[in-house]
Amino acid sequence: MRSVMRALREVCVRAHVLSRTGVCETSTSLRQGHTGASNMTGGEGGLPAAHLDGEHSWMCGSSAAVLSAVRGHVRVLQNFISEEEEQAFLTELEPGLKRKRYEWDHWDDAIHGFRETERLQWGGVCAAVVERIRAQAFPQGCPLLGPVHVLDLDKTGFIKAHVDSVKFCGSTIAGVSLLSDSIMRLVHEQNPAERVDLLLQRRSLYILRDEVRFKFTHEILKDEDSYFSGRRIPRLRRISVICRNLPH
């Protein structure tokens, strides 16, 4: 099993020097609720942003151009699962996770402060949620990677910028976030100044596909760097339940 998970996690990690200016996509109601947010500055690694009206309250970018480039290739569905469904996942996963230690020396230095597992079989509630994830993220008949990857990130852990290996997973990655809000940062591989921050609220579903999947790295920010449009987003222990499709 460990060799399979290592194959799933094979990534290429790159360092990025990032711009510190940006724009935000947000609903009118959210903009009105954060008057003056354009003058806010994030913490270390934060993304200062001026608000723009739009339908995506969960996405900030370094420029309007990069927001336009990723639109259609990334989605975040808030409250994708209920509190009861989240608890069902925790009930299934915690006994196995508690038998593992958090690891701080990931083999390719991509993840720090993590433990993980994979699941082929789920109980009734969780099985239904996994099917909902797949129905939302993948077209009907798309060949899927069988094991569901479960990644448990300690409160002090983080995931560095990486691109999931194209040898082992295809054009789409979809994950549900349990226990904590977090910030996922996307950085263009050819132009590191172009970046997007996604607000992944607890119990939300994120979907990365196509252009975002292949041309942008993704990472989960450290707690101390966890800001969204100048707003502090505390990052606690986070479990993600991740589905992928097979490479073409």
C-alpha atoms as a PDB file:
ATOM      1  CA  MET A   1       0.000   0.000   0.000  1.00  0.00           C
ATOM      2  CA  ARG A   2       2.800   2.445   0.870  1.00  0.00           C
ATOM      3  CA  SER A   3       4.381   2.011  -2.536  1.00  0.00           C
ATOM      4  CA  VAL A   4       1.050   2.826  -4.178  1.00  0.00           C
ATOM      5  CA  MET A   5       0.666   5.985  -2.101  1.00  0.00           C
ATOM      6  CA  ARG A   6       4.223   6.988  -2.939  1.00  0.00           C
ATOM      7  CA  ALA A   7       3.389   6.641  -6.629  1.00  0.00           C
ATOM      8  CA  LEU A   8       0.282   8.765  -6.149  1.00  0.00           C
ATOM      9  CA  ARG A   9       2.316  11.453  -4.425  1.00  0.00           C
ATOM     10  CA  GLU A  10       5.163  11.584  -6.918  1.00  0.00           C
ATOM     11  CA  VAL A  11       5.448  15.290  -7.554  1.00  0.00           C
ATOM     12  CA  CYS A  12       7.789  17.896  -8.921  1.00  0.00           C
ATOM     13  CA  VAL A  13       8.439  20.655  -6.375  1.00  0.00           C
ATOM     14  CA  ARG A  14       9.516  24.102  -7.474  1.00  0.00           C
ATOM     15  CA  ALA A  15      10.329  27.263  -5.542  1.00  0.00           C
ATOM     16  CA  HIS A  16       8.508  30.448  -6.529  1.00  0.00           C
ATOM     17  CA  VAL A  17       9.189  34.151  -6.038  1.00  0.00           C
ATOM     18  CA  LEU A  18       5.716  35.691  -5.935  1.00  0.00           C
ATOM     19  CA  SER A  19       4.206  39.093  -6.554  1.00  0.00           C
ATOM     20  CA  ARG A  20       2.516  40.759  -3.564  1.00  0.00           C
ATOM     21  CA  THR A  21      -0.267  42.609  -5.397  1.00  0.00           C
ATOM     22  CA  GLY A  22      -3.531  41.219  -6.586  1.00  0.00           C
ATOM     23  CA  VAL A  23      -7.248  41.379  -7.213  1.00  0.00           C
ATOM     24  CA  CYS A  24     -10.064  39.400  -5.714  1.00  0.00           C
ATOM     25  CA  GLU A  25     -13.224  37.902  -7.113  1.00  0.00           C
ATOM     26  CA  THR A  26     -16.030  38.226  -4.615  1.00  0.00           C
ATOM     27  CA  SER A  27     -19.773  38.639  -4.370  1.00  0.00           C
ATOM     28  CA  THR A  28     -21.230  42.125  -3.869  1.00  0.00           C
ATOM     29  CA  SER A  29     -22.446  41.216  -0.392  1.00  0.00           C
ATOM     30  CA  LEU A  30     -18.979  40.074   0.688  1.00  0.00           C
ATOM     31  CA  ARG A  31     -17.389  43.215  -0.759  1.00  0.00           C
ATOM     32  CA  GLN A  32     -19.790  45.449   1.151  1.00  0.00           C
ATOM     33  CA  GLY A  33     -19.054  43.476   4.314  1.00  0.00           C
ATOM     34  CA  HIS A  34     -15.320  44.178   4.012  1.00  0.00           C
ATOM     35  CA  THR A  35     -15.132  47.870   3.193  1.00  0.00           C
ATOM     36  CA  GLY A  36     -11.562  48.989   2.654  1.00  0.00           C
ATOM     37  CA  ALA A  37     -10.248  45.477   2.037  1.00  0.00           C
ATOM     38  CA  SER A  38      -8.251  46.781  -0.919  1.00  0.00           C
ATOM     39  CA  ASN A  39      -5.964  48.484   1.591  1.00  0.00           C
ATOM     40  CA  MET A  40      -5.446  45.376   3.698  1.00  0.00           C
ATOM     41  CA  THR A  41      -2.247  43.430   3.633  1.00  0.00           C
ATOM     42  CA  GLY A  42      -1.970  39.764   4.341  1.00  0.00           C
ATOM     43  CA  GLY A  43       0.530  38.191   6.704  1.00  0.00           C
ATOM     44  CA  GLU A  44       3.708  36.561   5.578  1.00  0.00           C
ATOM     45  CA  GLY A  45       2.836  35.049   2.212  1.00  0.00           C
ATOM     46  CA  GLY A  46      -0.539  36.801   2.116  1.00  0.00           C
ATOM     47  CA  LEU A  47      -2.067  38.245  -1.056  1.00  0.00           C
ATOM     48  CA  PRO A  48      -3.200  41.879  -0.762  1.00  0.00           C
ATOM     49  CA  ALA A  49      -6.222  42.345  -3.023  1.00  0.00           C
ATOM     50  CA  ALA A  50      -8.747  44.836  -4.336  1.00  0.00           C
ATOM     51  CA  HIS A  51     -12.251  43.406  -4.551  1.00  0.00           C
ATOM     52  CA  LEU A  52     -14.106  42.973  -7.815  1.00  0.00           C
ATOM     53  CA  ASP A  53     -17.751  42.056  -8.168  1.00  0.00           C
ATOM     54  CA  GLY A  54     -18.292  38.503  -9.361  1.00  0.00           C
ATOM     55  CA  GLU A  55     -19.686  35.135  -8.466  1.00  0.00           C
ATOM     56  CA  HIS A  56     -16.578  33.640  -6.898  1.00  0.00           C
ATOM     57  CA  SER A  57     -16.225  34.693  -3.272  1.00  0.00           C
ATOM     58  CA  TRP A  58     -13.539  32.022  -2.789  1.00  0.00           C
ATOM     59  CA  MET A  59     -10.925  33.180  -5.329  1.00  0.00           C
ATOM     60  CA  CYS A  60      -8.272  35.921  -5.252  1.00  0.00           C
ATOM     61  CA  GLY A  61      -5.604  36.468  -7.875  1.00  0.00           C
ATOM     62  CA  SER A  62      -2.479  38.485  -8.593  1.00  0.00           C
ATOM     63  CA  SER A  63      -4.184  39.965 -11.673  1.00  0.00           C
ATOM     64  CA  ALA A  64      -7.478  40.000 -13.505  1.00  0.00           C
ATOM     65  CA  ALA A  65      -5.746  38.124 -16.319  1.00  0.00           C
ATOM     66  CA  VAL A  66      -4.826  35.134 -14.168  1.00  0.00           C
ATOM     67  CA  LEU A  67      -8.352  34.987 -12.737  1.00  0.00           C
ATOM     68  CA  SER A  68      -9.677  34.859 -16.287  1.00  0.00           C
ATOM     69  CA  ALA A  69      -7.175  32.134 -17.182  1.00  0.00           C
ATOM     70  CA  VAL A  70      -8.183  29.806 -14.342  1.00  0.00           C
ATOM     71  CA  ARG A  71     -11.921  30.471 -14.467  1.00  0.00           C
ATOM     72  CA  GLY A  72     -13.587  27.337 -15.791  1.00  0.00           C
ATOM     73  CA  HIS A  73     -10.699  25.148 -14.644  1.00  0.00           C
ATOM     74  CA  VAL A  74     -11.204  25.468 -10.894  1.00  0.00           C
ATOM     75  CA  ARG A  75     -14.284  25.228  -8.694  1.00  0.00           C
ATOM     76  CA  VAL A  76     -14.912  25.405  -4.970  1.00  0.00           C
ATOM     77  CA  LEU A  77     -18.301  24.241  -3.717  1.00  0.00           C
ATOM     78  CA  GLN A  78     -18.887  25.418  -0.169  1.00  0.00           C
ATOM     79  CA  ASN A  79     -20.835  23.194   2.255  1.00  0.00           C
ATOM     80  CA  PHE A  80     -20.544  20.267  -0.132  1.00  0.00           C
ATOM     81  CA  ILE A  81     -21.003  17.867   2.779  1.00  0.00           C
ATOM     82  CA  SER A  82     -23.018  18.224   5.976  1.00  0.00           C
ATOM     83  CA  GLU A  83     -21.707  18.155   9.541  1.00  0.00           C
ATOM     84  CA  GLU A  84     -23.158  14.654   9.873  1.00  0.00           C
ATOM     85  CA  GLU A  85     -21.319  13.468   6.755  1.00  0.00           C
ATOM     86  CA  GLU A  86     -18.080  14.995   7.999  1.00  0.00           C
ATOM     87  CA  GLN A  87     -18.511  13.130  11.277  1.00  0.00           C
ATOM     88  CA  ALA A  88     -19.115   9.891   9.375  1.00  0.00           C
ATOM     89  CA  PHE A  89     -15.738  10.305   7.640  1.00  0.00           C
ATOM     90  CA  LEU A  90     -14.007  11.030  10.933  1.00  0.00           C
ATOM     91  CA  THR A  91     -15.601   7.976  12.539  1.00  0.00           C
ATOM     92  CA  GLU A  92     -14.302   5.775   9.718  1.00  0.00           C
ATOM     93  CA  LEU A  93     -10.857   7.333   9.404  1.00  0.00           C
ATOM     94  CA  GLU A  94      -9.720   8.239  12.909  1.00  0.00           C
ATOM     95  CA  PRO A  95      -9.059   4.701  14.226  1.00  0.00           C
ATOM     96  CA  GLY A  96      -6.607   3.977  11.405  1.00  0.00           C
ATOM     97  CA  LEU A  97      -5.029   7.429  11.388  1.00  0.00           C
ATOM     98  CA  LYS A  98      -4.406   7.371  15.132  1.00  0.00           C
ATOM     99  CA  ARG A  99      -2.208   4.296  14.654  1.00  0.00           C
ATOM    100  CA  LYS A 100       0.111   6.341  12.423  1.00  0.00           C
ATOM    101  CA  ARG A 101       2.609   9.012  13.387  1.00  0.00           C
ATOM    102  CA  TYR A 102       2.801  12.368  11.701  1.00  0.00           C
ATOM    103  CA  GLU A 103       5.780  12.424   9.333  1.00  0.00           C
ATOM    104  CA  TRP A 104       8.053  15.437   8.887  1.00  0.00           C
ATOM    105  CA  ASP A 105      10.548  14.152   6.324  1.00  0.00           C
ATOM    106  CA  HIS A 106       8.477  13.385   3.232  1.00  0.00           C
ATOM    107  CA  TRP A 107      10.517  11.500   0.638  1.00  0.00           C
ATOM    108  CA  ASP A 108      10.391  14.330  -1.915  1.00  0.00           C
ATOM    109  CA  ASP A 109      10.148  17.181   0.625  1.00  0.00           C
ATOM    110  CA  ALA A 110       6.682  18.177  -0.649  1.00  0.00           C
ATOM    111  CA  ILE A 111       4.667  17.606   2.527  1.00  0.00           C
ATOM    112  CA  HIS A 112       5.578  18.268   6.148  1.00  0.00           C
ATOM    113  CA  GLY A 113       3.583  17.164   9.188  1.00  0.00           C
ATOM    114  CA  PHE A 114       1.309  14.589   7.606  1.00  0.00           C
ATOM    115  CA  ARG A 115      -0.033  11.078   7.823  1.00  0.00           C
ATOM    116  CA  GLU A 116      -2.044   9.355   5.138  1.00  0.00           C
ATOM    117  CA  THR A 117      -3.934   6.322   4.018  1.00  0.00           C
ATOM    118  CA  GLU A 118      -6.030   5.180   1.082  1.00  0.00           C
ATOM    119  CA  ARG A 119      -9.424   3.538   0.969  1.00  0.00           C
ATOM    120  CA  LEU A 120     -11.139   1.356  -1.597  1.00  0.00           C
ATOM    121  CA  GLN A 121     -14.154   0.486   0.534  1.00  0.00           C
ATOM    122  CA  TRP A 122     -16.329   2.889   2.534  1.00  0.00           C
ATOM    123  CA  GLY A 123     -19.338   2.643   4.812  1.00  0.00           C
ATOM    124  CA  GLY A 124     -22.737   3.694   3.508  1.00  0.00           C
ATOM    125  CA  VAL A 125     -22.673   7.432   4.254  1.00  0.00           C
ATOM    126  CA  CYS A 126     -19.075   7.921   3.129  1.00  0.00           C
ATOM    127  CA  ALA A 127     -19.551   5.766   0.034  1.00  0.00           C
ATOM    128  CA  ALA A 128     -22.447   7.983  -1.015  1.00  0.00           C
ATOM    129  CA  VAL A 129     -20.340  11.124  -0.540  1.00  0.00           C
ATOM    130  CA  VAL A 130     -17.459   9.672  -2.569  1.00  0.00           C
ATOM    131  CA  GLU A 131     -19.913   8.954  -5.380  1.00  0.00           C
ATOM    132  CA  ARG A 132     -21.165  12.564  -5.160  1.00  0.00           C
ATOM    133  CA  ILE A 133     -17.605  13.843  -5.417  1.00  0.00           C
ATOM    134  CA  ARG A 134     -16.970  11.739  -8.485  1.00  0.00           C
ATOM    135  CA  ALA A 135     -20.266  12.700 -10.109  1.00  0.00           C
ATOM    136  CA  GLN A 136     -19.506  16.389  -9.546  1.00  0.00           C
ATOM    137  CA  ALA A 137     -15.882  16.308 -10.677  1.00  0.00           C
ATOM    138  CA  PHE A 138     -15.636  13.731 -13.467  1.00  0.00           C
ATOM    139  CA  PRO A 139     -17.654  13.114 -16.643  1.00  0.00           C
ATOM    140  CA  GLN A 140     -19.672   9.923 -16.792  1.00  0.00           C
ATOM    141  CA  GLY A 141     -17.557   6.994 -17.944  1.00  0.00           C
ATOM    142  CA  CYS A 142     -14.270   8.679 -17.062  1.00  0.00           C
ATOM    143  CA  PRO A 143     -11.758   6.045 -15.867  1.00  0.00           C
ATOM    144  CA  LEU A 144     -11.078   6.761 -12.195  1.00  0.00           C
ATOM    145  CA  LEU A 145      -8.208   5.950  -9.892  1.00  0.00           C
ATOM    146  CA  GLY A 146      -9.683   3.325  -7.590  1.00  0.00           C
ATOM    147  CA  PRO A 147      -8.160   4.161  -4.192  1.00  0.00           C
ATOM    148  CA  VAL A 148      -9.313   7.359  -2.519  1.00  0.00           C
ATOM    149  CA  HIS A 149      -6.348   9.220  -1.023  1.00  0.00           C
ATOM    150  CA  VAL A 150      -6.763  10.503   2.549  1.00  0.00           C
ATOM    151  CA  LEU A 151      -4.219  13.094   3.704  1.00  0.00           C
ATOM    152  CA  ASP A 152      -4.155  14.182   7.361  1.00  0.00           C
ATOM    153  CA  LEU A 153      -2.194  17.423   7.849  1.00  0.00           C
ATOM    154  CA  ASP A 154      -1.125  18.444  11.349  1.00  0.00           C
ATOM    155  CA  LYS A 155      -1.919  22.004  12.480  1.00  0.00           C
ATOM    156  CA  THR A 156       1.748  22.886  12.017  1.00  0.00           C
ATOM    157  CA  GLY A 157       2.055  20.941   8.757  1.00  0.00           C
ATOM    158  CA  PHE A 158       1.933  22.282   5.210  1.00  0.00           C
ATOM    159  CA  ILE A 159       2.119  21.218   1.581  1.00  0.00           C
ATOM    160  CA  LYS A 160       4.708  22.845  -0.664  1.00  0.00           C
ATOM    161  CA  ALA A 161       4.055  23.934  -4.229  1.00  0.00           C
ATOM    162  CA  HIS A 162       3.917  20.892  -6.509  1.00  0.00           C
ATOM    163  CA  VAL A 163       2.265  19.346  -9.541  1.00  0.00           C
ATOM    164  CA  ASP A 164       0.868  15.835  -9.073  1.00  0.00           C
ATOM    165  CA  SER A 165       2.651  13.389 -11.341  1.00  0.00           C
ATOM    166  CA  VAL A 166       1.038  12.991 -14.760  1.00  0.00           C
ATOM    167  CA  LYS A 167       2.243   9.384 -14.796  1.00  0.00           C
ATOM    168  CA  PHE A 168      -0.193   8.339 -12.089  1.00  0.00           C
ATOM    169  CA  CYS A 169      -3.197  10.669 -12.232  1.00  0.00           C
ATOM    170  CA  GLY A 170      -5.068  12.412 -14.999  1.00  0.00           C
ATOM    171  CA  SER A 171      -6.579  15.797 -15.753  1.00  0.00           C
ATOM    172  CA  THR A 172      -8.684  16.305 -12.626  1.00  0.00           C
ATOM    173  CA  ILE A 173      -8.146  16.362  -8.853  1.00  0.00           C
ATOM    174  CA  ALA A 174     -11.074  16.754  -6.456  1.00  0.00           C
ATOM    175  CA  GLY A 175     -10.963  16.900  -2.678  1.00  0.00           C
ATOM    176  CA  VAL A 176     -13.213  17.499   0.322  1.00  0.00           C
ATOM    177  CA  SER A 177     -11.736  19.410   3.269  1.00  0.00           C
ATOM    178  CA  LEU A 178     -12.485  18.164   6.796  1.00  0.00           C
ATOM    179  CA  LEU A 179     -11.906  19.819  10.194  1.00  0.00           C
ATOM    180  CA  SER A 180     -10.454  23.165   9.056  1.00  0.00           C
ATOM    181  CA  ASP A 181     -10.560  26.032   6.601  1.00  0.00           C
ATOM    182  CA  SER A 182      -7.387  26.502   4.567  1.00  0.00           C
ATOM    183  CA  ILE A 183      -5.847  28.453   1.698  1.00  0.00           C
ATOM    184  CA  MET A 184      -4.780  26.652  -1.465  1.00  0.00           C
ATOM    185  CA  ARG A 185      -2.362  28.669  -3.585  1.00  0.00           C
ATOM    186  CA  LEU A 186      -1.999  28.128  -7.334  1.00  0.00           C
ATOM    187  CA  VAL A 187       1.160  29.431  -9.046  1.00  0.00           C
ATOM    188  CA  HIS A 188       1.760  29.471 -12.806  1.00  0.00           C
ATOM    189  CA  GLU A 189       4.829  27.364 -13.559  1.00  0.00           C
ATOM    190  CA  GLN A 190       6.076  29.565 -16.405  1.00  0.00           C
ATOM    191  CA  ASN A 191       5.211  32.888 -14.754  1.00  0.00           C
ATOM    192  CA  PRO A 192       5.474  32.591 -10.950  1.00  0.00           C
ATOM    193  CA  ALA A 193       4.218  36.155 -10.469  1.00  0.00           C
ATOM    194  CA  GLU A 194       0.796  34.930 -11.614  1.00  0.00           C
ATOM    195  CA  ARG A 195      -0.968  33.235  -8.723  1.00  0.00           C
ATOM    196  CA  VAL A 196      -4.401  32.545  -7.315  1.00  0.00           C
ATOM    197  CA  ASP A 197      -5.505  31.885  -3.734  1.00  0.00           C
ATOM    198  CA  LEU A 198      -8.523  29.662  -3.093  1.00  0.00           C
ATOM    199  CA  LEU A 199     -10.445  29.793   0.172  1.00  0.00           C
ATOM    200  CA  LEU A 200     -11.211  26.171   1.032  1.00  0.00           C
ATOM    201  CA  GLN A 201     -13.719  26.292   3.828  1.00  0.00           C
ATOM    202  CA  ARG A 202     -14.342  23.319   6.082  1.00  0.00           C
ATOM    203  CA  ARG A 203     -16.624  20.757   4.363  1.00  0.00           C
ATOM    204  CA  SER A 204     -16.075  22.339   0.924  1.00  0.00           C
ATOM    205  CA  LEU A 205     -15.159  20.514  -2.303  1.00  0.00           C
ATOM    206  CA  TYR A 206     -12.407  21.825  -4.578  1.00  0.00           C
ATOM    207  CA  ILE A 207     -11.911  20.701  -8.176  1.00  0.00           C
ATOM    208  CA  LEU A 208      -8.754  21.385 -10.220  1.00  0.00           C
ATOM    209  CA  ARG A 209      -8.736  20.394 -13.852  1.00  0.00           C
ATOM    210  CA  ASP A 210      -6.977  20.816 -17.186  1.00  0.00           C
ATOM    211  CA  GLU A 211      -5.034  24.129 -17.362  1.00  0.00           C
ATOM    212  CA  VAL A 212      -4.914  24.528 -13.583  1.00  0.00           C
ATOM    213  CA  ARG A 213      -4.014  20.883 -13.103  1.00  0.00           C
ATOM    214  CA  PHE A 214      -1.059  20.902 -15.516  1.00  0.00           C
ATOM    215  CA  LYS A 215       0.214  24.504 -15.701  1.00  0.00           C
ATOM    216  CA  PHE A 216      -0.113  25.619 -12.077  1.00  0.00           C
ATOM    217  CA  THR A 217       1.429  24.238  -8.925  1.00  0.00           C
ATOM    218  CA  HIS A 218      -0.805  23.935  -5.883  1.00  0.00           C
ATOM    219  CA  GLU A 219       0.018  24.094  -2.184  1.00  0.00           C
ATOM    220  CA  ILE A 220      -1.671  24.402   1.223  1.00  0.00           C
ATOM    221  CA  LEU A 221      -0.306  27.355   3.169  1.00  0.00           C
ATOM    222  CA  LYS A 222       1.114  27.179   6.673  1.00  0.00           C
ATOM    223  CA  ASP A 223      -1.088  28.447   9.461  1.00  0.00           C
ATOM    224  CA  GLU A 224       1.043  31.566   9.905  1.00  0.00           C
ATOM    225  CA  ASP A 225       0.750  32.361   6.167  1.00  0.00           C
ATOM    226  CA  SER A 226      -2.970  31.617   5.982  1.00  0.00           C
ATOM    227  CA  TYR A 227      -4.599  34.854   4.820  1.00  0.00           C
ATOM    228  CA  PHE A 228      -7.295  35.443   2.221  1.00  0.00           C
ATOM    229  CA  SER A 229      -7.654  38.970   0.832  1.00  0.00           C
ATOM    230  CA  GLY A 230      -6.104  40.373   3.990  1.00  0.00           C
ATOM    231  CA  ARG A 231      -8.309  38.293   6.262  1.00  0.00           C
ATOM    232  CA  ARG A 232      -6.733  35.820   8.674  1.00  0.00           C
ATOM    233  CA  ILE A 233      -7.886  32.233   8.061  1.00  0.00           C
ATOM    234  CA  PRO A 234      -6.722  30.031  10.968  1.00  0.00           C
ATOM    235  CA  ARG A 235      -5.447  26.682   9.710  1.00  0.00           C
ATOM    236  CA  LEU A 236      -6.035  23.823  12.126  1.00  0.00           C
ATOM    237  CA  ARG A 237      -5.534  20.110  11.613  1.00  0.00           C
ATOM    238  CA  ARG A 238      -6.947  19.323   8.160  1.00  0.00           C
ATOM    239  CA  ILE A 239      -7.982  16.043   6.559  1.00  0.00           C
ATOM    240  CA  SER A 240      -8.581  15.937   2.812  1.00  0.00           C
ATOM    241  CA  VAL A 241     -10.387  13.148   0.973  1.00  0.00           C
ATOM    242  CA  ILE A 242      -9.057  13.216  -2.582  1.00  0.00           C
ATOM    243  CA  CYS A 243     -10.316  11.588  -5.794  1.00  0.00           C
ATOM    244  CA  ARG A 244      -8.424  11.496  -9.078  1.00  0.00           C
ATOM    245  CA  ASN A 245      -8.928  10.118 -12.566  1.00  0.00           C
ATOM    246  CA  LEU A 246      -6.507   7.947 -14.477  1.00  0.00           C
ATOM    247  CA  PRO A 247      -4.071   9.465 -16.989  1.00  0.00           C
ATOM    248  CA  HIS A 248      -5.109   9.272 -20.627  1.00  0.00           C
END
